[in-house]
């Protein structure tokens, strides 16, 4: 009796200290929910399929617009890394929809330079990838590292972006990637040059295949 009472108090205290919010509108939601009911009703009916440079398929749940764009801004720059689990849930849905029963040996992320991690406090793509790995029951591994700093992709023209990411990533350990089917995750796909460069770097390490996923895709008219 006393144990149940203590457990209940503990859960109530935990709920109070770690309130969960809908990433898309900020409304308080249950801890096991990924969005509020109102936002869920407006989610796209189908996942978006984009292709990164080099022809690597990318599964995406949302366009980079409206509340989804705001959610990424809060997640990435508003110290809301705790949104990762809810956001990752939608990436997993898109991955399952686009790739079906395809088997992945490893999930990894697009890395950012250590100076960017130091400034922001975390790599948003890594948080998403780790949560996707947990949901899907697949091992997360740091396959790549970004060893050269470059300009941020959004700060330069689309025509310059392929050159900007060329040669800035390298494999952490070729044995990790060799013969593996790998899913690489990022937060946004725009021109697809960043994901494409990462996928190509992994491919050259001898993996059996690379697939991509992102939370949002920039839509071009």
Protein backbone atom coordinates (compact mmCIF):
# COMPACT_ATOMS: atom_id res chain seq x y z
CA UNK A 1 0.00 0.00 0.00
CA UNK A 2 2.72 2.42 1.06
CA UNK A 3 4.87 1.44 -1.96
CA UNK A 4 2.03 2.20 -4.38
CA UNK A 5 1.49 5.54 -2.67
CA UNK A 6 5.22 6.41 -2.93
CA UNK A 7 5.29 5.33 -6.60
CA UNK A 8 2.25 7.50 -7.34
CA UNK A 9 3.80 10.52 -5.60
CA UNK A 10 7.04 9.90 -7.48
CA UNK A 11 5.27 9.81 -10.84
CA UNK A 12 3.29 12.95 -10.04
CA UNK A 13 6.50 14.75 -9.05
CA UNK A 14 8.21 13.56 -12.22
CA UNK A 15 5.30 14.81 -14.35
CA UNK A 16 5.48 18.15 -12.58
CA UNK A 17 9.23 18.55 -13.03
CA UNK A 18 9.36 17.24 -16.60
CA UNK A 19 6.28 18.64 -18.31
CA UNK A 20 6.01 17.56 -21.93
CA UNK A 21 4.88 19.99 -24.60
CA UNK A 22 3.66 19.48 -28.15
CA UNK A 23 6.65 20.51 -30.30
CA UNK A 24 4.37 22.10 -32.88
CA UNK A 25 2.15 24.35 -30.76
CA UNK A 26 3.56 24.23 -27.22
CA UNK A 27 0.45 22.75 -25.60
CA UNK A 28 1.07 20.47 -22.60
CA UNK A 29 0.61 16.81 -23.56
CA UNK A 30 0.89 13.43 -21.90
CA UNK A 31 4.42 12.05 -21.55
CA UNK A 32 3.69 9.17 -23.94
CA UNK A 33 2.26 11.42 -26.68
CA UNK A 34 4.22 12.82 -29.63
CA UNK A 35 1.85 15.73 -30.37
CA UNK A 36 -1.46 17.18 -29.28
CA UNK A 37 -4.64 15.92 -30.93
CA UNK A 38 -5.25 19.21 -32.75
CA UNK A 39 -1.81 19.18 -34.40
CA UNK A 40 -2.07 15.49 -35.31
CA UNK A 41 -5.23 16.20 -37.33
CA UNK A 42 -3.27 18.54 -39.60
CA UNK A 43 -0.24 16.30 -40.19
CA UNK A 44 0.39 15.44 -43.87
CA UNK A 45 -1.36 12.24 -44.97
CA UNK A 46 1.70 10.92 -46.80
CA UNK A 47 5.43 11.12 -46.22
CA UNK A 48 7.58 13.16 -48.57
CA UNK A 49 10.20 11.45 -50.70
CA UNK A 50 13.22 13.52 -51.66
CA UNK A 51 16.58 12.56 -53.11
CA UNK A 52 19.91 13.71 -51.72
CA UNK A 53 22.80 14.45 -54.07
CA UNK A 54 23.96 11.20 -55.63
CA UNK A 55 20.43 9.79 -55.80
CA UNK A 56 20.11 8.64 -52.19
CA UNK A 57 16.42 8.37 -51.23
CA UNK A 58 15.30 10.42 -48.22
CA UNK A 59 12.10 9.85 -46.21
CA UNK A 60 10.58 12.98 -44.66
CA UNK A 61 7.38 13.44 -42.63
CA UNK A 62 6.98 17.23 -42.91
CA UNK A 63 7.50 20.16 -45.27
CA UNK A 64 9.71 22.90 -43.88
CA UNK A 65 6.76 25.24 -43.38
CA UNK A 66 4.46 26.68 -40.72
CA UNK A 67 4.41 24.90 -37.35
CA UNK A 68 6.98 22.32 -38.49
CA UNK A 69 9.49 25.05 -39.32
CA UNK A 70 8.83 26.67 -35.93
CA UNK A 71 9.26 23.33 -34.15
CA UNK A 72 12.70 22.85 -35.72
CA UNK A 73 13.71 26.40 -34.79
CA UNK A 74 12.79 25.79 -31.14
CA UNK A 75 14.44 22.36 -31.17
CA UNK A 76 17.62 23.59 -32.84
CA UNK A 77 18.12 27.07 -31.43
CA UNK A 78 15.69 27.41 -28.53
CA UNK A 79 17.35 24.96 -26.15
CA UNK A 80 14.52 22.46 -26.68
CA UNK A 81 16.55 19.31 -27.21
CA UNK A 82 13.91 17.52 -25.16
CA UNK A 83 11.63 17.64 -28.23
CA UNK A 84 13.81 14.96 -29.85
CA UNK A 85 11.69 11.95 -28.88
CA UNK A 86 8.41 13.41 -30.15
CA UNK A 87 9.99 14.64 -33.39
CA UNK A 88 11.81 11.36 -33.96
CA UNK A 89 8.51 9.46 -33.74
CA UNK A 90 7.35 11.12 -36.96
CA UNK A 91 10.66 10.35 -38.71
CA UNK A 92 10.20 6.68 -37.83
CA UNK A 93 6.70 6.72 -39.32
CA UNK A 94 8.10 8.20 -42.54
CA UNK A 95 10.93 5.65 -42.64
CA UNK A 96 8.48 2.76 -42.24
CA UNK A 97 6.18 4.20 -44.88
CA UNK A 98 8.90 4.90 -47.47
CA UNK A 99 11.23 1.94 -46.88
CA UNK A 100 8.71 -0.67 -45.74
CA UNK A 101 10.38 -3.72 -44.18
CA UNK A 102 13.90 -2.72 -45.25
CA UNK A 103 16.47 -3.86 -42.70
CA UNK A 104 18.96 -1.39 -41.22
CA UNK A 105 22.01 -2.54 -39.27
CA UNK A 106 22.97 0.91 -37.98
CA UNK A 107 21.40 4.32 -37.54
CA UNK A 108 23.68 7.35 -37.59
CA UNK A 109 23.44 11.11 -38.09
CA UNK A 110 24.88 14.00 -40.04
CA UNK A 111 27.59 15.28 -37.67
CA UNK A 112 28.39 18.91 -36.93
CA UNK A 113 31.79 20.34 -36.09
CA UNK A 114 32.89 20.18 -32.47
CA UNK A 115 32.88 23.99 -32.26
CA UNK A 116 29.21 24.04 -33.26
CA UNK A 117 28.42 21.39 -30.64
CA UNK A 118 30.25 23.47 -28.04
CA UNK A 119 28.26 26.57 -28.99
CA UNK A 120 24.81 24.94 -29.23
CA UNK A 121 25.28 22.28 -26.57
CA UNK A 122 24.15 19.39 -28.76
CA UNK A 123 23.84 18.16 -32.35
CA UNK A 124 20.13 18.17 -33.14
CA UNK A 125 20.54 15.49 -35.83
CA UNK A 126 22.26 13.20 -33.33
CA UNK A 127 19.45 13.61 -30.81
CA UNK A 128 16.91 12.70 -33.51
CA UNK A 129 18.96 9.73 -34.71
CA UNK A 130 19.47 8.34 -31.21
CA UNK A 131 15.75 8.54 -30.49
CA UNK A 132 14.89 6.91 -33.83
CA UNK A 133 17.35 4.12 -33.02
CA UNK A 134 15.70 3.55 -29.65
CA UNK A 135 12.19 3.51 -31.12
CA UNK A 136 13.21 1.13 -33.92
CA UNK A 137 15.37 -1.10 -31.75
CA UNK A 138 18.47 -0.52 -33.90
CA UNK A 139 21.98 0.33 -32.76
CA UNK A 140 23.05 3.98 -32.99
CA UNK A 141 26.67 4.51 -34.04
CA UNK A 142 28.72 7.63 -34.79
CA UNK A 143 29.83 6.65 -38.28
CA UNK A 144 31.03 10.06 -39.45
CA UNK A 145 32.81 13.08 -38.05
CA UNK A 146 32.92 16.61 -39.42
CA UNK A 147 36.60 17.48 -39.18
CA UNK A 148 36.56 20.71 -41.20
CA UNK A 149 34.53 23.82 -40.48
CA UNK A 150 32.66 25.40 -43.36
CA UNK A 151 29.97 28.00 -43.92
CA UNK A 152 26.46 27.06 -42.86
CA UNK A 153 24.50 25.82 -45.87
CA UNK A 154 21.59 28.21 -45.36
CA UNK A 155 23.96 31.19 -45.50
CA UNK A 156 25.11 30.56 -49.09
CA UNK A 157 23.52 30.23 -52.51
CA UNK A 158 22.17 26.84 -53.58
CA UNK A 159 24.69 26.63 -56.44
CA UNK A 160 27.59 26.87 -53.96
CA UNK A 161 26.37 24.27 -51.48
CA UNK A 162 27.82 21.15 -53.10
CA UNK A 163 31.32 22.66 -53.06
CA UNK A 164 30.84 23.92 -49.49
CA UNK A 165 30.37 20.40 -48.04
CA UNK A 166 32.92 18.62 -50.21
CA UNK A 167 35.54 16.84 -48.11
CA UNK A 168 34.40 18.09 -44.71
CA UNK A 169 33.30 14.65 -43.42
CA UNK A 170 35.25 11.46 -42.82
CA UNK A 171 34.57 7.96 -41.54
CA UNK A 172 35.29 7.41 -37.85
CA UNK A 173 36.17 3.76 -38.42
CA UNK A 174 35.80 1.95 -41.76
CA UNK A 175 35.18 -1.36 -40.00
CA UNK A 176 32.01 0.08 -38.46
CA UNK A 177 30.47 0.83 -41.86
CA UNK A 178 31.82 -2.06 -43.93
CA UNK A 179 29.08 -4.40 -45.16
CA UNK A 180 26.38 -2.60 -43.16
CA UNK A 181 23.04 -1.22 -44.32
CA UNK A 182 22.94 2.25 -42.80
CA UNK A 183 20.21 4.83 -42.18
CA UNK A 184 21.53 8.37 -41.83
CA UNK A 185 19.37 11.09 -40.30
CA UNK A 186 19.40 14.89 -40.45
CA UNK A 187 16.96 17.56 -39.34
CA UNK A 188 16.34 19.30 -42.70
CA UNK A 189 16.97 18.42 -46.34
CA UNK A 190 17.19 21.44 -48.65
CA UNK A 191 19.28 20.87 -51.77
CA UNK A 192 20.37 17.46 -50.46
CA UNK A 193 24.08 18.21 -50.75
CA UNK A 194 24.90 17.64 -47.07
CA UNK A 195 23.11 14.30 -46.83
CA UNK A 196 24.48 13.33 -50.21
CA UNK A 197 28.08 14.05 -49.21
CA UNK A 198 27.66 12.08 -45.98
CA UNK A 199 26.02 9.16 -47.79
CA UNK A 200 28.76 9.12 -50.42
CA UNK A 201 31.48 9.14 -47.76
CA UNK A 202 29.86 6.16 -46.04
CA UNK A 203 29.39 4.35 -49.35
CA UNK A 204 33.10 4.65 -50.13
CA UNK A 205 33.83 2.90 -46.82
CA UNK A 206 32.28 -0.27 -48.23
CA UNK A 207 28.81 -0.33 -46.70
CA UNK A 208 26.13 -2.46 -48.36
CA UNK A 209 23.71 0.47 -48.65
CA UNK A 210 22.81 3.95 -47.38
CA UNK A 211 19.32 5.38 -46.92
CA UNK A 212 18.41 8.82 -45.62
CA UNK A 213 15.71 10.43 -43.51
CA UNK A 214 15.06 13.95 -42.24
CA UNK A 215 12.40 15.69 -40.20
CA UNK A 216 11.57 18.40 -42.74
CA UNK A 217 12.12 19.06 -46.44
CA UNK A 218 12.39 22.52 -47.96
CA UNK A 219 9.78 22.68 -50.71
CA UNK A 220 10.68 24.29 -54.01
CA UNK A 221 8.09 25.70 -56.39
